[in-house]
Amino acid sequence: MANPLRGEVIKLYKTLLYLGREYPKGPIYFRERLKSAFMKNKDVSDPEKIKQLVAKGDYVIKELEALYFLRKYRAMKKRYYEPEK
């Protein structure tokens, strides 16, 4: 019998992999770190622990999105406003 949370974990992995394409240190660095994090927890079978790990992954997604929005904001601000002296 397959774990019902398996789909959520796969979706989380794919989302993080997609977001990692624009990571400042490069997509290869991000992919290696992501894979090692998921492989470290591959033997977890407790549904509550899996839910906690998925929630932590969702938090990481929000942090990455904030990082990217901040980078875009800084680029736009640099283009359209004079530097402060």
PDB file of N, CA and C in Angstrom:
ATOM      1  N   MET A   1       0.845  -1.179   0.000  1.00  0.00           N
ATOM      2  CA  MET A   1       0.000   0.000   0.000  1.00  0.00           C
ATOM      3  C   MET A   1       0.892   1.245   0.000  1.00  0.00           C
ATOM      4  N   ALA A   2       0.620   2.155  -0.886  1.00  0.00           N
ATOM      5  CA  ALA A   2       1.417   3.370  -1.005  1.00  0.00           C
ATOM      6  C   ALA A   2       1.006   4.389   0.057  1.00  0.00           C
ATOM      7  N   ASN A   3       1.942   5.187   0.449  1.00  0.00           N
ATOM      8  CA  ASN A   3       1.694   6.225   1.441  1.00  0.00           C
ATOM      9  C   ASN A   3       0.857   7.339   0.792  1.00  0.00           C
ATOM     10  N   PRO A   4      -0.222   7.772   1.423  1.00  0.00           N
ATOM     11  CA  PRO A   4      -1.055   8.820   0.824  1.00  0.00           C
ATOM     12  C   PRO A   4      -0.357  10.181   0.747  1.00  0.00           C
ATOM     13  N   LEU A   5       0.705  10.370   1.513  1.00  0.00           N
ATOM     14  CA  LEU A   5       1.437  11.640   1.486  1.00  0.00           C
ATOM     15  C   LEU A   5       2.521  11.657   0.408  1.00  0.00           C
ATOM     16  N   ARG A   6       2.685  10.560  -0.295  1.00  0.00           N
ATOM     17  CA  ARG A   6       3.728  10.462  -1.314  1.00  0.00           C
ATOM     18  C   ARG A   6       3.554  11.522  -2.399  1.00  0.00           C
ATOM     19  N   GLY A   7       2.326  11.760  -2.802  1.00  0.00           N
ATOM     20  CA  GLY A   7       2.044  12.765  -3.824  1.00  0.00           C
ATOM     21  C   GLY A   7       2.450  14.162  -3.380  1.00  0.00           C
ATOM     22  N   GLU A   8       2.198  14.464  -2.108  1.00  0.00           N
ATOM     23  CA  GLU A   8       2.566  15.773  -1.571  1.00  0.00           C
ATOM     24  C   GLU A   8       4.079  15.950  -1.569  1.00  0.00           C
ATOM     25  N   VAL A   9       4.780  14.879  -1.210  1.00  0.00           N
ATOM     26  CA  VAL A   9       6.242  14.945  -1.159  1.00  0.00           C
ATOM     27  C   VAL A   9       6.807  15.139  -2.565  1.00  0.00           C
ATOM     28  N   ILE A  10       6.280  14.432  -3.530  1.00  0.00           N
ATOM     29  CA  ILE A  10       6.748  14.567  -4.916  1.00  0.00           C
ATOM     30  C   ILE A  10       6.451  15.967  -5.446  1.00  0.00           C
ATOM     31  N   LYS A  11       5.267  16.481  -5.136  1.00  0.00           N
ATOM     32  CA  LYS A  11       4.909  17.835  -5.563  1.00  0.00           C
ATOM     33  C   LYS A  11       5.852  18.862  -4.939  1.00  0.00           C
ATOM     34  N   LEU A  12       6.164  18.690  -3.664  1.00  0.00           N
ATOM     35  CA  LEU A  12       7.093  19.581  -2.971  1.00  0.00           C
ATOM     36  C   LEU A  12       8.469  19.540  -3.630  1.00  0.00           C
ATOM     37  N   TYR A  13       8.951  18.347  -3.945  1.00  0.00           N
ATOM     38  CA  TYR A  13      10.262  18.196  -4.576  1.00  0.00           C
ATOM     39  C   TYR A  13      10.290  18.895  -5.934  1.00  0.00           C
ATOM     40  N   LYS A  14       9.258  18.690  -6.733  1.00  0.00           N
ATOM     41  CA  LYS A  14       9.203  19.312  -8.058  1.00  0.00           C
ATOM     42  C   LYS A  14       9.135  20.834  -7.957  1.00  0.00           C
ATOM     43  N   THR A  15       8.367  21.339  -7.009  1.00  0.00           N
ATOM     44  CA  THR A  15       8.252  22.784  -6.825  1.00  0.00           C
ATOM     45  C   THR A  15       9.594  23.380  -6.412  1.00  0.00           C
ATOM     46  N   LEU A  16      10.256  22.733  -5.463  1.00  0.00           N
ATOM     47  CA  LEU A  16      11.556  23.229  -5.020  1.00  0.00           C
ATOM     48  C   LEU A  16      12.586  23.141  -6.140  1.00  0.00           C
ATOM     49  N   LEU A  17      12.536  22.083  -6.914  1.00  0.00           N
ATOM     50  CA  LEU A  17      13.457  21.937  -8.039  1.00  0.00           C
ATOM     51  C   LEU A  17      13.245  23.047  -9.057  1.00  0.00           C
ATOM     52  N   TYR A  18      11.985  23.391  -9.300  1.00  0.00           N
ATOM     53  CA  TYR A  18      11.665  24.474 -10.231  1.00  0.00           C
ATOM     54  C   TYR A  18      12.163  25.826  -9.698  1.00  0.00           C
ATOM     55  N   LEU A  19      11.931  26.075  -8.419  1.00  0.00           N
ATOM     56  CA  LEU A  19      12.357  27.341  -7.823  1.00  0.00           C
ATOM     57  C   LEU A  19      13.876  27.447  -7.732  1.00  0.00           C
ATOM     58  N   GLY A  20      14.548  26.328  -7.666  1.00  0.00           N
ATOM     59  CA  GLY A  20      15.998  26.328  -7.545  1.00  0.00           C
ATOM     60  C   GLY A  20      16.728  26.735  -8.804  1.00  0.00           C
ATOM     61  N   ARG A  21      16.010  26.871  -9.908  1.00  0.00           N
ATOM     62  CA  ARG A  21      16.659  27.252 -11.161  1.00  0.00           C
ATOM     63  C   ARG A  21      17.276  28.638 -11.091  1.00  0.00           C
ATOM     64  N   GLU A  22      16.723  29.519 -10.288  1.00  0.00           N
ATOM     65  CA  GLU A  22      17.219  30.893 -10.182  1.00  0.00           C
ATOM     66  C   GLU A  22      17.989  31.141  -8.889  1.00  0.00           C
ATOM     67  N   TYR A  23      18.397  30.093  -8.213  1.00  0.00           N
ATOM     68  CA  TYR A  23      19.097  30.244  -6.938  1.00  0.00           C
ATOM     69  C   TYR A  23      20.423  30.977  -7.161  1.00  0.00           C
ATOM     70  N   PRO A  24      20.780  31.914  -6.272  1.00  0.00           N
ATOM     71  CA  PRO A  24      21.991  32.722  -6.478  1.00  0.00           C
ATOM     72  C   PRO A  24      23.287  31.914  -6.628  1.00  0.00           C
ATOM     73  N   LYS A  25      23.418  30.803  -5.949  1.00  0.00           N
ATOM     74  CA  LYS A  25      24.644  30.007  -6.056  1.00  0.00           C
ATOM     75  C   LYS A  25      24.598  29.027  -7.223  1.00  0.00           C
ATOM     76  N   GLY A  26      23.515  29.025  -7.960  1.00  0.00           N
ATOM     77  CA  GLY A  26      23.411  28.174  -9.137  1.00  0.00           C
ATOM     78  C   GLY A  26      22.471  27.006  -8.944  1.00  0.00           C
ATOM     79  N   PRO A  27      21.864  26.552 -10.038  1.00  0.00           N
ATOM     80  CA  PRO A  27      20.898  25.455  -9.944  1.00  0.00           C
ATOM     81  C   PRO A  27      21.537  24.115  -9.577  1.00  0.00           C
ATOM     82  N   ILE A  28      22.778  23.899  -9.970  1.00  0.00           N
ATOM     83  CA  ILE A  28      23.428  22.621  -9.654  1.00  0.00           C
ATOM     84  C   ILE A  28      23.662  22.514  -8.154  1.00  0.00           C
ATOM     85  N   TYR A  29      24.115  23.591  -7.536  1.00  0.00           N
ATOM     86  CA  TYR A  29      24.319  23.617  -6.084  1.00  0.00           C
ATOM     87  C   TYR A  29      23.000  23.351  -5.365  1.00  0.00           C
ATOM     88  N   PHE A  30      21.943  24.026  -5.813  1.00  0.00           N
ATOM     89  CA  PHE A  30      20.637  23.865  -5.173  1.00  0.00           C
ATOM     90  C   PHE A  30      20.121  22.440  -5.334  1.00  0.00           C
ATOM     91  N   ARG A  31      20.259  21.881  -6.543  1.00  0.00           N
ATOM     92  CA  ARG A  31      19.764  20.530  -6.811  1.00  0.00           C
ATOM     93  C   ARG A  31      20.468  19.505  -5.929  1.00  0.00           C
ATOM     94  N   GLU A  32      21.780  19.648  -5.762  1.00  0.00           N
ATOM     95  CA  GLU A  32      22.519  18.712  -4.909  1.00  0.00           C
ATOM     96  C   GLU A  32      22.066  18.804  -3.457  1.00  0.00           C
ATOM     97  N   ARG A  33      21.889  20.027  -2.974  1.00  0.00           N
ATOM     98  CA  ARG A  33      21.427  20.214  -1.587  1.00  0.00           C
ATOM     99  C   ARG A  33      20.013  19.674  -1.399  1.00  0.00           C
ATOM    100  N   LEU A  34      19.161  19.907  -2.387  1.00  0.00           N
ATOM    101  CA  LEU A  34      17.783  19.432  -2.323  1.00  0.00           C
ATOM    102  C   LEU A  34      17.740  17.908  -2.287  1.00  0.00           C
ATOM    103  N   LYS A  35      18.494  17.288  -3.168  1.00  0.00           N
ATOM    104  CA  LYS A  35      18.507  15.829  -3.228  1.00  0.00           C
ATOM    105  C   LYS A  35      19.030  15.235  -1.933  1.00  0.00           C
ATOM    106  N   SER A  36      20.088  15.813  -1.377  1.00  0.00           N
ATOM    107  CA  SER A  36      20.632  15.276  -0.123  1.00  0.00           C
ATOM    108  C   SER A  36      19.637  15.435   1.027  1.00  0.00           C
ATOM    109  N   ALA A  37      18.892  16.549   1.029  1.00  0.00           N
ATOM    110  CA  ALA A  37      17.893  16.753   2.091  1.00  0.00           C
ATOM    111  C   ALA A  37      16.772  15.725   1.987  1.00  0.00           C
ATOM    112  N   PHE A  38      16.327  15.443   0.771  1.00  0.00           N
ATOM    113  CA  PHE A  38      15.253  14.463   0.605  1.00  0.00           C
ATOM    114  C   PHE A  38      15.759  13.039   0.867  1.00  0.00           C
ATOM    115  N   MET A  39      16.985  12.746   0.463  1.00  0.00           N
ATOM    116  CA  MET A  39      17.525  11.402   0.690  1.00  0.00           C
ATOM    117  C   MET A  39      17.765  11.150   2.183  1.00  0.00           C
ATOM    118  N   LYS A  40      18.088  12.206   2.918  1.00  0.00           N
ATOM    119  CA  LYS A  40      18.313  12.069   4.356  1.00  0.00           C
ATOM    120  C   LYS A  40      17.038  11.605   5.059  1.00  0.00           C
ATOM    121  N   ASN A  41      15.894  12.018   4.544  1.00  0.00           N
ATOM    122  CA  ASN A  41      14.612  11.705   5.182  1.00  0.00           C
ATOM    123  C   ASN A  41      13.801  10.662   4.420  1.00  0.00           C
ATOM    124  N   LYS A  42      14.448   9.905   3.557  1.00  0.00           N
ATOM    125  CA  LYS A  42      13.704   8.952   2.726  1.00  0.00           C
ATOM    126  C   LYS A  42      13.107   7.791   3.507  1.00  0.00           C
ATOM    127  N   ASP A  43      13.665   7.463   4.665  1.00  0.00           N
ATOM    128  CA  ASP A  43      13.173   6.325   5.437  1.00  0.00           C
ATOM    129  C   ASP A  43      12.124   6.701   6.475  1.00  0.00           C
ATOM    130  N   VAL A  44      11.706   7.948   6.509  1.00  0.00           N
ATOM    131  CA  VAL A  44      10.685   8.382   7.458  1.00  0.00           C
ATOM    132  C   VAL A  44       9.345   7.810   7.015  1.00  0.00           C
ATOM    133  N   SER A  45       8.668   7.130   7.928  1.00  0.00           N
ATOM    134  CA  SER A  45       7.379   6.523   7.580  1.00  0.00           C
ATOM    135  C   SER A  45       6.230   7.012   8.453  1.00  0.00           C
ATOM    136  N   ASP A  46       6.537   7.737   9.505  1.00  0.00           N
ATOM    137  CA  ASP A  46       5.511   8.274  10.391  1.00  0.00           C
ATOM    138  C   ASP A  46       4.784   9.422   9.690  1.00  0.00           C
ATOM    139  N   PRO A  47       3.456   9.315   9.497  1.00  0.00           N
ATOM    140  CA  PRO A  47       2.715  10.362   8.779  1.00  0.00           C
ATOM    141  C   PRO A  47       2.832  11.748   9.411  1.00  0.00           C
ATOM    142  N   GLU A  48       2.889  11.823  10.724  1.00  0.00           N
ATOM    143  CA  GLU A  48       3.000  13.120  11.393  1.00  0.00           C
ATOM    144  C   GLU A  48       4.366  13.756  11.107  1.00  0.00           C
ATOM    145  N   LYS A  49       5.408  12.945  11.135  1.00  0.00           N
ATOM    146  CA  LYS A  49       6.747  13.448  10.846  1.00  0.00           C
ATOM    147  C   LYS A  49       6.834  13.903   9.383  1.00  0.00           C
ATOM    148  N   ILE A  50       6.208  13.158   8.490  1.00  0.00           N
ATOM    149  CA  ILE A  50       6.194  13.534   7.066  1.00  0.00           C
ATOM    150  C   ILE A  50       5.467  14.860   6.887  1.00  0.00           C
ATOM    151  N   LYS A  51       4.352  15.035   7.588  1.00  0.00           N
ATOM    152  CA  LYS A  51       3.622  16.306   7.507  1.00  0.00           C
ATOM    153  C   LYS A  51       4.472  17.466   8.010  1.00  0.00           C
ATOM    154  N   GLN A  52       5.231  17.238   9.081  1.00  0.00           N
ATOM    155  CA  GLN A  52       6.120  18.284   9.597  1.00  0.00           C
ATOM    156  C   GLN A  52       7.201  18.633   8.573  1.00  0.00           C
ATOM    157  N   LEU A  53       7.757  17.618   7.932  1.00  0.00           N
ATOM    158  CA  LEU A  53       8.794  17.861   6.933  1.00  0.00           C
ATOM    159  C   LEU A  53       8.236  18.582   5.707  1.00  0.00           C
ATOM    160  N   VAL A  54       7.023  18.241   5.305  1.00  0.00           N
ATOM    161  CA  VAL A  54       6.381  18.924   4.179  1.00  0.00           C
ATOM    162  C   VAL A  54       6.098  20.380   4.551  1.00  0.00           C
ATOM    163  N   ALA A  55       5.667  20.617   5.792  1.00  0.00           N
ATOM    164  CA  ALA A  55       5.438  21.991   6.243  1.00  0.00           C
ATOM    165  C   ALA A  55       6.740  22.780   6.238  1.00  0.00           C
ATOM    166  N   LYS A  56       7.833  22.154   6.626  1.00  0.00           N
ATOM    167  CA  LYS A  56       9.135  22.812   6.583  1.00  0.00           C
ATOM    168  C   LYS A  56       9.516  23.132   5.133  1.00  0.00           C
ATOM    169  N   GLY A  57       9.217  22.211   4.229  1.00  0.00           N
ATOM    170  CA  GLY A  57       9.478  22.444   2.806  1.00  0.00           C
ATOM    171  C   GLY A  57       8.651  23.595   2.260  1.00  0.00           C
ATOM    172  N   ASP A  58       7.395  23.696   2.692  1.00  0.00           N
ATOM    173  CA  ASP A  58       6.554  24.825   2.270  1.00  0.00           C
ATOM    174  C   ASP A  58       7.120  26.152   2.775  1.00  0.00           C
ATOM    175  N   TYR A  59       7.678  26.118   3.980  1.00  0.00           N
ATOM    176  CA  TYR A  59       8.317  27.319   4.522  1.00  0.00           C
ATOM    177  C   TYR A  59       9.525  27.722   3.666  1.00  0.00           C
ATOM    178  N   VAL A  60      10.296  26.735   3.239  1.00  0.00           N
ATOM    179  CA  VAL A  60      11.452  27.004   2.381  1.00  0.00           C
ATOM    180  C   VAL A  60      10.999  27.604   1.052  1.00  0.00           C
ATOM    181  N   ILE A  61       9.886  27.127   0.519  1.00  0.00           N
ATOM    182  CA  ILE A  61       9.341  27.685  -0.728  1.00  0.00           C
ATOM    183  C   ILE A  61       9.024  29.158  -0.536  1.00  0.00           C
ATOM    184  N   LYS A  62       8.363  29.498   0.560  1.00  0.00           N
ATOM    185  CA  LYS A  62       8.017  30.893   0.822  1.00  0.00           C
ATOM    186  C   LYS A  62       9.271  31.757   0.973  1.00  0.00           C
ATOM    187  N   GLU A  63      10.295  31.221   1.622  1.00  0.00           N
ATOM    188  CA  GLU A  63      11.540  31.965   1.791  1.00  0.00           C
ATOM    189  C   GLU A  63      12.234  32.190   0.446  1.00  0.00           C
ATOM    190  N   LEU A  64      12.229  31.182  -0.410  1.00  0.00           N
ATOM    191  CA  LEU A  64      12.832  31.339  -1.740  1.00  0.00           C
ATOM    192  C   LEU A  64      12.085  32.384  -2.562  1.00  0.00           C
ATOM    193  N   GLU A  65      10.767  32.334  -2.504  1.00  0.00           N
ATOM    194  CA  GLU A  65       9.979  33.319  -3.241  1.00  0.00           C
ATOM    195  C   GLU A  65      10.269  34.728  -2.731  1.00  0.00           C
ATOM    196  N   ALA A  66      10.395  34.882  -1.425  1.00  0.00           N
ATOM    197  CA  ALA A  66      10.719  36.190  -0.862  1.00  0.00           C
ATOM    198  C   ALA A  66      12.101  36.644  -1.322  1.00  0.00           C
ATOM    199  N   LEU A  67      13.052  35.729  -1.377  1.00  0.00           N
ATOM    200  CA  LEU A  67      14.392  36.050  -1.857  1.00  0.00           C
ATOM    201  C   LEU A  67      14.356  36.548  -3.295  1.00  0.00           C
ATOM    202  N   TYR A  68      13.585  35.868  -4.139  1.00  0.00           N
ATOM    203  CA  TYR A  68      13.514  36.248  -5.544  1.00  0.00           C
ATOM    204  C   TYR A  68      12.795  37.584  -5.724  1.00  0.00           C
ATOM    205  N   PHE A  69      11.719  37.809  -4.981  1.00  0.00           N
ATOM    206  CA  PHE A  69      11.008  39.082  -5.083  1.00  0.00           C
ATOM    207  C   PHE A  69      11.890  40.239  -4.606  1.00  0.00           C
ATOM    208  N   LEU A  70      12.649  40.006  -3.552  1.00  0.00           N
ATOM    209  CA  LEU A  70      13.548  41.036  -3.051  1.00  0.00           C
ATOM    210  C   LEU A  70      14.629  41.356  -4.079  1.00  0.00           C
ATOM    211  N   ARG A  71      15.147  40.333  -4.730  1.00  0.00           N
ATOM    212  CA  ARG A  71      16.166  40.557  -5.763  1.00  0.00           C
ATOM    213  C   ARG A  71      15.594  41.353  -6.930  1.00  0.00           C
ATOM    214  N   LYS A  72      14.373  41.026  -7.338  1.00  0.00           N
ATOM    215  CA  LYS A  72      13.725  41.764  -8.430  1.00  0.00           C
ATOM    216  C   LYS A  72      13.435  43.203  -8.015  1.00  0.00           C
ATOM    217  N   TYR A  73      12.998  43.391  -6.776  1.00  0.00           N
ATOM    218  CA  TYR A  73      12.726  44.738  -6.282  1.00  0.00           C
ATOM    219  C   TYR A  73      13.989  45.584  -6.287  1.00  0.00           C
ATOM    220  N   ARG A  74      15.083  45.019  -5.821  1.00  0.00           N
ATOM    221  CA  ARG A  74      16.341  45.766  -5.792  1.00  0.00           C
ATOM    222  C   ARG A  74      16.806  46.124  -7.201  1.00  0.00           C
ATOM    223  N   ALA A  75      16.625  45.213  -8.153  1.00  0.00           N
ATOM    224  CA  ALA A  75      17.019  45.495  -9.532  1.00  0.00           C
ATOM    225  C   ALA A  75      16.173  46.619 -10.117  1.00  0.00           C
ATOM    226  N   MET A  76      14.877  46.589  -9.863  1.00  0.00           N
ATOM    227  CA  MET A  76      13.990  47.643 -10.374  1.00  0.00           C
ATOM    228  C   MET A  76      14.319  48.976  -9.716  1.00  0.00           C
ATOM    229  N   LYS A  77      14.577  48.961  -8.428  1.00  0.00           N
ATOM    230  CA  LYS A  77      14.900  50.194  -7.722  1.00  0.00           C
ATOM    231  C   LYS A  77      16.203  50.780  -8.257  1.00  0.00           C
ATOM    232  N   LYS A  78      17.160  49.945  -8.536  1.00  0.00           N
ATOM    233  CA  LYS A  78      18.443  50.415  -9.057  1.00  0.00           C
ATOM    234  C   LYS A  78      18.279  51.038 -10.443  1.00  0.00           C
ATOM    235  N   ARG A  79      17.365  50.510 -11.258  1.00  0.00           N
ATOM    236  CA  ARG A  79      17.167  51.025 -12.610  1.00  0.00           C
ATOM    237  C   ARG A  79      16.452  52.367 -12.636  1.00  0.00           C
ATOM    238  N   TYR A  80      15.481  52.544 -11.764  1.00  0.00           N
ATOM    239  CA  TYR A  80      14.592  53.696 -11.884  1.00  0.00           C
ATOM    240  C   TYR A  80      14.805  54.811 -10.868  1.00  0.00           C
ATOM    241  N   TYR A  81      15.592  54.575  -9.859  1.00  0.00           N
ATOM    242  CA  TYR A  81      15.814  55.612  -8.852  1.00  0.00           C
ATOM    243  C   TYR A  81      17.290  55.936  -8.771  1.00  0.00           C
ATOM    244  N   GLU A  82      17.558  57.182  -8.436  1.00  0.00           N
ATOM    245  CA  GLU A  82      18.942  57.612  -8.301  1.00  0.00           C
ATOM    246  C   GLU A  82      19.532  57.003  -7.029  1.00  0.00           C
ATOM    247  N   PRO A  83      20.803  56.669  -7.073  1.00  0.00           N
ATOM    248  CA  PRO A  83      21.409  56.123  -5.851  1.00  0.00           C
ATOM    249  C   PRO A  83      21.484  57.183  -4.753  1.00  0.00           C
ATOM    250  N   GLU A  84      21.269  56.742  -3.539  1.00  0.00           N
ATOM    251  CA  GLU A  84      21.310  57.667  -2.401  1.00  0.00           C
ATOM    252  C   GLU A  84      22.757  57.977  -2.059  1.00  0.00           C
ATOM    253  N   LYS A  85      23.017  59.223  -1.703  1.00  0.00           N
ATOM    254  CA  LYS A  85      24.392  59.610  -1.363  1.00  0.00           C
ATOM    255  C   LYS A  85      24.531  59.935   0.089  1.00  0.00           C
TER     256      LYS A  85
END
